[in-house]
């Protein structure tokens, strides 16, 4: 269920390891035909000590600081 209360049909899940700026991270993604791009949940952001400065458009993941290309949050 999304934060706005919308239910999303889930087909399954997949655990993926990947890197962000050379830092290895992993998570379990839910798979759905209703979503066409990856979404990281609050649990992942908290677990990876993320800080998102919306005013400046900066996302910090642990020690890595990035500036998103698109100033949009979904």
PDB file of N, CA and C in Angstrom:
ATOM      1  N   UNK A   1       0.839  -1.176   0.000  1.00  0.00           N
ATOM      2  CA  UNK A   1       0.000   0.000   0.000  1.00  0.00           C
ATOM      3  C   UNK A   1       0.887   1.243   0.000  1.00  0.00           C
ATOM      4  N   UNK A   2       0.531   2.196  -0.834  1.00  0.00           N
ATOM      5  CA  UNK A   2       1.252   3.457  -0.879  1.00  0.00           C
ATOM      6  C   UNK A   2       0.863   4.342   0.295  1.00  0.00           C
ATOM      7  N   UNK A   3       1.667   5.361   0.528  1.00  0.00           N
ATOM      8  CA  UNK A   3       1.400   6.267   1.630  1.00  0.00           C
ATOM      9  C   UNK A   3       0.029   6.935   1.509  1.00  0.00           C
ATOM     10  N   UNK A   4      -0.460   7.127   0.289  1.00  0.00           N
ATOM     11  CA  UNK A   4      -1.765   7.764   0.108  1.00  0.00           C
ATOM     12  C   UNK A   4      -2.924   6.780   0.243  1.00  0.00           C
ATOM     13  N   UNK A   5      -2.639   5.523   0.607  1.00  0.00           N
ATOM     14  CA  UNK A   5      -3.673   4.535   0.826  1.00  0.00           C
ATOM     15  C   UNK A   5      -4.010   3.684  -0.392  1.00  0.00           C
ATOM     16  N   UNK A   6      -3.373   3.952  -1.534  1.00  0.00           N
ATOM     17  CA  UNK A   6      -3.624   3.188  -2.751  1.00  0.00           C
ATOM     18  C   UNK A   6      -2.988   1.801  -2.647  1.00  0.00           C
ATOM     19  N   UNK A   7      -3.768   0.768  -2.942  1.00  0.00           N
ATOM     20  CA  UNK A   7      -3.229  -0.597  -2.978  1.00  0.00           C
ATOM     21  C   UNK A   7      -2.580  -0.853  -4.328  1.00  0.00           C
ATOM     22  N   UNK A   8      -1.436  -1.536  -4.311  1.00  0.00           N
ATOM     23  CA  UNK A   8      -0.729  -1.907  -5.539  1.00  0.00           C
ATOM     24  C   UNK A   8      -0.669  -3.432  -5.583  1.00  0.00           C
ATOM     25  N   UNK A   9      -1.119  -4.041  -6.680  1.00  0.00           N
ATOM     26  CA  UNK A   9      -1.025  -5.501  -6.783  1.00  0.00           C
ATOM     27  C   UNK A   9       0.436  -5.941  -6.904  1.00  0.00           C
ATOM     28  N   UNK A  10       0.851  -6.844  -6.042  1.00  0.00           N
ATOM     29  CA  UNK A  10       2.241  -7.307  -6.008  1.00  0.00           C
ATOM     30  C   UNK A  10       2.321  -8.694  -6.628  1.00  0.00           C
ATOM     31  N   UNK A  11       3.243  -8.848  -7.591  1.00  0.00           N
ATOM     32  CA  UNK A  11       3.454 -10.143  -8.251  1.00  0.00           C
ATOM     33  C   UNK A  11       4.428 -11.028  -7.483  1.00  0.00           C
ATOM     34  N   UNK A  12       5.355 -10.407  -6.763  1.00  0.00           N
ATOM     35  CA  UNK A  12       6.372 -11.153  -6.035  1.00  0.00           C
ATOM     36  C   UNK A  12       7.419 -10.206  -5.502  1.00  0.00           C
ATOM     37  N   UNK A  13       8.569 -10.753  -5.143  1.00  0.00           N
ATOM     38  CA  UNK A  13       9.662  -9.928  -4.631  1.00  0.00           C
ATOM     39  C   UNK A  13      10.992 -10.459  -5.152  1.00  0.00           C
ATOM     40  N   UNK A  14      12.000  -9.594  -5.115  1.00  0.00           N
ATOM     41  CA  UNK A  14      13.340  -9.969  -5.551  1.00  0.00           C
ATOM     42  C   UNK A  14      14.350  -9.212  -4.689  1.00  0.00           C
ATOM     43  N   UNK A  15      15.383  -9.924  -4.212  1.00  0.00           N
ATOM     44  CA  UNK A  15      16.446  -9.286  -3.427  1.00  0.00           C
ATOM     45  C   UNK A  15      17.573  -8.910  -4.383  1.00  0.00           C
ATOM     46  N   UNK A  16      17.956  -7.643  -4.372  1.00  0.00           N
ATOM     47  CA  UNK A  16      18.973  -7.152  -5.301  1.00  0.00           C
ATOM     48  C   UNK A  16      20.077  -6.444  -4.523  1.00  0.00           C
ATOM     49  N   UNK A  17      21.326  -6.767  -4.858  1.00  0.00           N
ATOM     50  CA  UNK A  17      22.490  -6.036  -4.352  1.00  0.00           C
ATOM     51  C   UNK A  17      22.960  -5.108  -5.460  1.00  0.00           C
ATOM     52  N   UNK A  18      23.286  -3.860  -5.109  1.00  0.00           N
ATOM     53  CA  UNK A  18      23.718  -2.880  -6.094  1.00  0.00           C
ATOM     54  C   UNK A  18      24.653  -1.887  -5.420  1.00  0.00           C
ATOM     55  N   UNK A  19      25.223  -1.002  -6.181  1.00  0.00           N
ATOM     56  CA  UNK A  19      26.098   0.018  -5.612  1.00  0.00           C
ATOM     57  C   UNK A  19      25.526   1.397  -5.899  1.00  0.00           C
ATOM     58  N   UNK A  20      25.751   2.292  -4.953  1.00  0.00           N
ATOM     59  CA  UNK A  20      25.385   3.698  -5.106  1.00  0.00           C
ATOM     60  C   UNK A  20      26.661   4.492  -4.866  1.00  0.00           C
ATOM     61  N   UNK A  21      27.198   5.070  -5.922  1.00  0.00           N
ATOM     62  CA  UNK A  21      28.445   5.817  -5.790  1.00  0.00           C
ATOM     63  C   UNK A  21      29.580   4.958  -5.271  1.00  0.00           C
ATOM     64  N   UNK A  22      29.589   3.675  -5.639  1.00  0.00           N
ATOM     65  CA  UNK A  22      30.645   2.765  -5.211  1.00  0.00           C
ATOM     66  C   UNK A  22      30.398   2.125  -3.856  1.00  0.00           C
ATOM     67  N   UNK A  23      29.318   2.491  -3.184  1.00  0.00           N
ATOM     68  CA  UNK A  23      28.994   1.917  -1.877  1.00  0.00           C
ATOM     69  C   UNK A  23      28.023   0.758  -2.087  1.00  0.00           C
ATOM     70  N   UNK A  24      28.378  -0.459  -1.643  1.00  0.00           N
ATOM     71  CA  UNK A  24      27.482  -1.597  -1.835  1.00  0.00           C
ATOM     72  C   UNK A  24      26.270  -1.509  -0.900  1.00  0.00           C
ATOM     73  N   UNK A  25      25.092  -1.705  -1.451  1.00  0.00           N
ATOM     74  CA  UNK A  25      23.849  -1.729  -0.687  1.00  0.00           C
ATOM     75  C   UNK A  25      22.970  -2.836  -1.260  1.00  0.00           C
ATOM     76  N   UNK A  26      21.924  -3.195  -0.540  1.00  0.00           N
ATOM     77  CA  UNK A  26      20.996  -4.189  -1.048  1.00  0.00           C
ATOM     78  C   UNK A  26      19.621  -3.940  -0.448  1.00  0.00           C
ATOM     79  N   UNK A  27      18.616  -4.487  -1.093  1.00  0.00           N
ATOM     80  CA  UNK A  27      17.256  -4.393  -0.583  1.00  0.00           C
ATOM     81  C   UNK A  27      16.392  -5.440  -1.274  1.00  0.00           C
ATOM     82  N   UNK A  28      15.245  -5.674  -0.713  1.00  0.00           N
ATOM     83  CA  UNK A  28      14.257  -6.539  -1.334  1.00  0.00           C
ATOM     84  C   UNK A  28      13.200  -5.648  -1.967  1.00  0.00           C
ATOM     85  N   UNK A  29      13.061  -5.760  -3.280  1.00  0.00           N
ATOM     86  CA  UNK A  29      12.070  -4.989  -4.021  1.00  0.00           C
ATOM     87  C   UNK A  29      10.818  -5.821  -4.214  1.00  0.00           C
ATOM     88  N   UNK A  30       9.663  -5.175  -4.134  1.00  0.00           N
ATOM     89  CA  UNK A  30       8.411  -5.816  -4.520  1.00  0.00           C
ATOM     90  C   UNK A  30       8.216  -5.579  -6.003  1.00  0.00           C
ATOM     91  N   UNK A  31       7.690  -6.565  -6.715  1.00  0.00           N
ATOM     92  CA  UNK A  31       7.507  -6.485  -8.164  1.00  0.00           C
ATOM     93  C   UNK A  31       6.023  -6.310  -8.468  1.00  0.00           C
ATOM     94  N   UNK A  32       5.719  -5.303  -9.313  1.00  0.00           N
ATOM     95  CA  UNK A  32       4.335  -5.019  -9.676  1.00  0.00           C
ATOM     96  C   UNK A  32       4.279  -4.460 -11.085  1.00  0.00           C
ATOM     97  N   UNK A  33       3.249  -4.823 -11.824  1.00  0.00           N
ATOM     98  CA  UNK A  33       3.047  -4.243 -13.153  1.00  0.00           C
ATOM     99  C   UNK A  33       2.548  -2.803 -13.068  1.00  0.00           C
ATOM    100  N   UNK A  34       2.124  -2.369 -11.888  1.00  0.00           N
ATOM    101  CA  UNK A  34       1.582  -1.020 -11.708  1.00  0.00           C
ATOM    102  C   UNK A  34       2.665   0.031 -11.484  1.00  0.00           C
ATOM    103  N   UNK A  35       3.914  -0.402 -11.300  1.00  0.00           N
ATOM    104  CA  UNK A  35       5.017   0.517 -11.020  1.00  0.00           C
ATOM    105  C   UNK A  35       6.102   0.288 -12.059  1.00  0.00           C
ATOM    106  N   UNK A  36       6.587   1.370 -12.696  1.00  0.00           N
ATOM    107  CA  UNK A  36       7.574   1.195 -13.767  1.00  0.00           C
ATOM    108  C   UNK A  36       8.959   1.737 -13.428  1.00  0.00           C
ATOM    109  N   UNK A  37       9.186   2.098 -12.163  1.00  0.00           N
ATOM    110  CA  UNK A  37      10.515   2.552 -11.760  1.00  0.00           C
ATOM    111  C   UNK A  37      10.757   2.131 -10.317  1.00  0.00           C
ATOM    112  N   UNK A  38      12.026   1.971  -9.930  1.00  0.00           N
ATOM    113  CA  UNK A  38      12.317   1.544  -8.554  1.00  0.00           C
ATOM    114  C   UNK A  38      11.914   2.617  -7.547  1.00  0.00           C
ATOM    115  N   UNK A  39      11.426   2.165  -6.407  1.00  0.00           N
ATOM    116  CA  UNK A  39      11.098   3.064  -5.302  1.00  0.00           C
ATOM    117  C   UNK A  39      11.756   2.517  -4.044  1.00  0.00           C
ATOM    118  N   UNK A  40      12.475   3.371  -3.350  1.00  0.00           N
ATOM    119  CA  UNK A  40      13.083   2.982  -2.079  1.00  0.00           C
ATOM    120  C   UNK A  40      12.182   3.494  -0.959  1.00  0.00           C
ATOM    121  N   UNK A  41      11.808   2.598  -0.061  1.00  0.00           N
ATOM    122  CA  UNK A  41      10.886   2.947   1.011  1.00  0.00           C
ATOM    123  C   UNK A  41      11.570   3.606   2.195  1.00  0.00           C
ATOM    124  N   UNK A  42      10.748   4.100   3.104  1.00  0.00           N
ATOM    125  CA  UNK A  42      11.243   4.746   4.310  1.00  0.00           C
ATOM    126  C   UNK A  42      12.109   3.798   5.126  1.00  0.00           C
ATOM    127  N   UNK A  43      11.776   2.508   5.126  1.00  0.00           N
ATOM    128  CA  UNK A  43      12.582   1.539   5.870  1.00  0.00           C
ATOM    129  C   UNK A  43      14.007   1.466   5.318  1.00  0.00           C
ATOM    130  N   UNK A  44      14.156   1.464   3.982  1.00  0.00           N
ATOM    131  CA  UNK A  44      15.485   1.419   3.368  1.00  0.00           C
ATOM    132  C   UNK A  44      16.243   2.719   3.619  1.00  0.00           C
ATOM    133  N   UNK A  45      15.559   3.841   3.467  1.00  0.00           N
ATOM    134  CA  UNK A  45      16.198   5.143   3.693  1.00  0.00           C
ATOM    135  C   UNK A  45      16.689   5.262   5.133  1.00  0.00           C
ATOM    136  N   UNK A  46      15.905   4.775   6.084  1.00  0.00           N
ATOM    137  CA  UNK A  46      16.298   4.817   7.496  1.00  0.00           C
ATOM    138  C   UNK A  46      17.458   3.872   7.767  1.00  0.00           C
ATOM    139  N   UNK A  47      17.358   2.638   7.272  1.00  0.00           N
ATOM    140  CA  UNK A  47      18.399   1.630   7.490  1.00  0.00           C
ATOM    141  C   UNK A  47      19.751   2.079   6.941  1.00  0.00           C
ATOM    142  N   UNK A  48      19.738   2.826   5.845  1.00  0.00           N
ATOM    143  CA  UNK A  48      20.974   3.288   5.207  1.00  0.00           C
ATOM    144  C   UNK A  48      21.349   4.709   5.600  1.00  0.00           C
ATOM    145  N   UNK A  49      20.753   5.202   6.689  1.00  0.00           N
ATOM    146  CA  UNK A  49      21.073   6.507   7.268  1.00  0.00           C
ATOM    147  C   UNK A  49      21.016   7.622   6.228  1.00  0.00           C
ATOM    148  N   UNK A  50      19.944   7.631   5.447  1.00  0.00           N
ATOM    149  CA  UNK A  50      19.793   8.633   4.393  1.00  0.00           C
ATOM    150  C   UNK A  50      19.243   9.934   4.959  1.00  0.00           C
ATOM    151  N   UNK A  51      19.730  11.026   4.414  1.00  0.00           N
ATOM    152  CA  UNK A  51      19.231  12.361   4.740  1.00  0.00           C
ATOM    153  C   UNK A  51      18.909  13.034   3.421  1.00  0.00           C
ATOM    154  N   UNK A  52      17.668  13.495   3.274  1.00  0.00           N
ATOM    155  CA  UNK A  52      17.230  14.124   2.033  1.00  0.00           C
ATOM    156  C   UNK A  52      16.916  15.583   2.321  1.00  0.00           C
ATOM    157  N   UNK A  53      17.729  16.469   1.754  1.00  0.00           N
ATOM    158  CA  UNK A  53      17.511  17.902   1.893  1.00  0.00           C
ATOM    159  C   UNK A  53      16.701  18.347   0.682  1.00  0.00           C
ATOM    160  N   UNK A  54      15.394  18.435   0.853  1.00  0.00           N
ATOM    161  CA  UNK A  54      14.511  18.759  -0.263  1.00  0.00           C
ATOM    162  C   UNK A  54      14.760  20.168  -0.785  1.00  0.00           C
ATOM    163  N   UNK A  55      15.072  21.109   0.099  1.00  0.00           N
ATOM    164  CA  UNK A  55      15.309  22.489  -0.307  1.00  0.00           C
ATOM    165  C   UNK A  55      16.465  22.623  -1.280  1.00  0.00           C
ATOM    166  N   UNK A  56      17.528  21.842  -1.065  1.00  0.00           N
ATOM    167  CA  UNK A  56      18.701  21.903  -1.926  1.00  0.00           C
ATOM    168  C   UNK A  56      18.738  20.767  -2.941  1.00  0.00           C
ATOM    169  N   UNK A  57      17.809  19.836  -2.843  1.00  0.00           N
ATOM    170  CA  UNK A  57      17.783  18.706  -3.776  1.00  0.00           C
ATOM    171  C   UNK A  57      18.949  17.766  -3.581  1.00  0.00           C
ATOM    172  N   UNK A  58      19.415  17.599  -2.341  1.00  0.00           N
ATOM    173  CA  UNK A  58      20.573  16.755  -2.053  1.00  0.00           C
ATOM    174  C   UNK A  58      20.129  15.533  -1.257  1.00  0.00           C
ATOM    175  N   UNK A  59      20.602  14.369  -1.681  1.00  0.00           N
ATOM    176  CA  UNK A  59      20.363  13.126  -0.969  1.00  0.00           C
ATOM    177  C   UNK A  59      21.691  12.605  -0.457  1.00  0.00           C
ATOM    178  N   UNK A  60      21.763  12.326   0.847  1.00  0.00           N
ATOM    179  CA  UNK A  60      22.962  11.739   1.436  1.00  0.00           C
ATOM    180  C   UNK A  60      22.622  10.316   1.853  1.00  0.00           C
ATOM    181  N   UNK A  61      23.426   9.365   1.378  1.00  0.00           N
ATOM    182  CA  UNK A  61      23.288   7.957   1.744  1.00  0.00           C
ATOM    183  C   UNK A  61      24.562   7.591   2.491  1.00  0.00           C
ATOM    184  N   UNK A  62      24.475   7.500   3.806  1.00  0.00           N
ATOM    185  CA  UNK A  62      25.677   7.289   4.614  1.00  0.00           C
ATOM    186  C   UNK A  62      26.622   8.457   4.406  1.00  0.00           C
ATOM    187  N   UNK A  63      27.820   8.169   3.924  1.00  0.00           N
ATOM    188  CA  UNK A  63      28.814   9.216   3.681  1.00  0.00           C
ATOM    189  C   UNK A  63      28.753   9.793   2.268  1.00  0.00           C
ATOM    190  N   UNK A  64      27.977   9.159   1.391  1.00  0.00           N
ATOM    191  CA  UNK A  64      27.874   9.592   0.002  1.00  0.00           C
ATOM    192  C   UNK A  64      26.821  10.683  -0.119  1.00  0.00           C
ATOM    193  N   UNK A  65      27.163  11.767  -0.797  1.00  0.00           N
ATOM    194  CA  UNK A  65      26.204  12.841  -1.039  1.00  0.00           C
ATOM    195  C   UNK A  65      25.992  12.992  -2.535  1.00  0.00           C
ATOM    196  N   UNK A  66      24.749  12.971  -2.957  1.00  0.00           N
ATOM    197  CA  UNK A  66      24.435  13.094  -4.366  1.00  0.00           C
ATOM    198  C   UNK A  66      23.460  14.238  -4.579  1.00  0.00           C
ATOM    199  N   UNK A  67      23.395  14.722  -5.782  1.00  0.00           N
ATOM    200  CA  UNK A  67      22.407  15.722  -6.149  1.00  0.00           C
ATOM    201  C   UNK A  67      21.555  15.123  -7.246  1.00  0.00           C
ATOM    202  N   UNK A  68      20.269  14.862  -6.970  1.00  0.00           N
ATOM    203  CA  UNK A  68      19.403  14.254  -7.991  1.00  0.00           C
ATOM    204  C   UNK A  68      19.318  15.099  -9.245  1.00  0.00           C
ATOM    205  N   UNK A  69      19.223  14.436 -10.397  1.00  0.00           N
ATOM    206  CA  UNK A  69      19.132  15.139 -11.692  1.00  0.00           C
ATOM    207  C   UNK A  69      17.767  15.791 -11.866  1.00  0.00           C
ATOM    208  N   UNK A  70      16.733  15.141 -11.344  1.00  0.00           N
ATOM    209  CA  UNK A  70      15.385  15.668 -11.485  1.00  0.00           C
ATOM    210  C   UNK A  70      14.889  16.079 -10.092  1.00  0.00           C
ATOM    211  N   UNK A  71      14.479  17.304  -9.975  1.00  0.00           N
ATOM    212  CA  UNK A  71      14.021  17.804  -8.671  1.00  0.00           C
ATOM    213  C   UNK A  71      12.562  17.418  -8.459  1.00  0.00           C
ATOM    214  N   UNK A  72      12.301  16.136  -8.355  1.00  0.00           N
ATOM    215  CA  UNK A  72      10.939  15.644  -8.144  1.00  0.00           C
ATOM    216  C   UNK A  72      10.959  14.491  -7.148  1.00  0.00           C
ATOM    217  N   UNK A  73       9.957  14.443  -6.338  1.00  0.00           N
ATOM    218  CA  UNK A  73       9.806  13.361  -5.384  1.00  0.00           C
ATOM    219  C   UNK A  73       8.448  12.749  -5.605  1.00  0.00           C
ATOM    220  N   UNK A  74       8.391  11.428  -5.673  1.00  0.00           N
ATOM    221  CA  UNK A  74       7.101  10.746  -5.859  1.00  0.00           C
ATOM    222  C   UNK A  74       6.814   9.916  -4.651  1.00  0.00           C
TER     223      UNK A  74
END
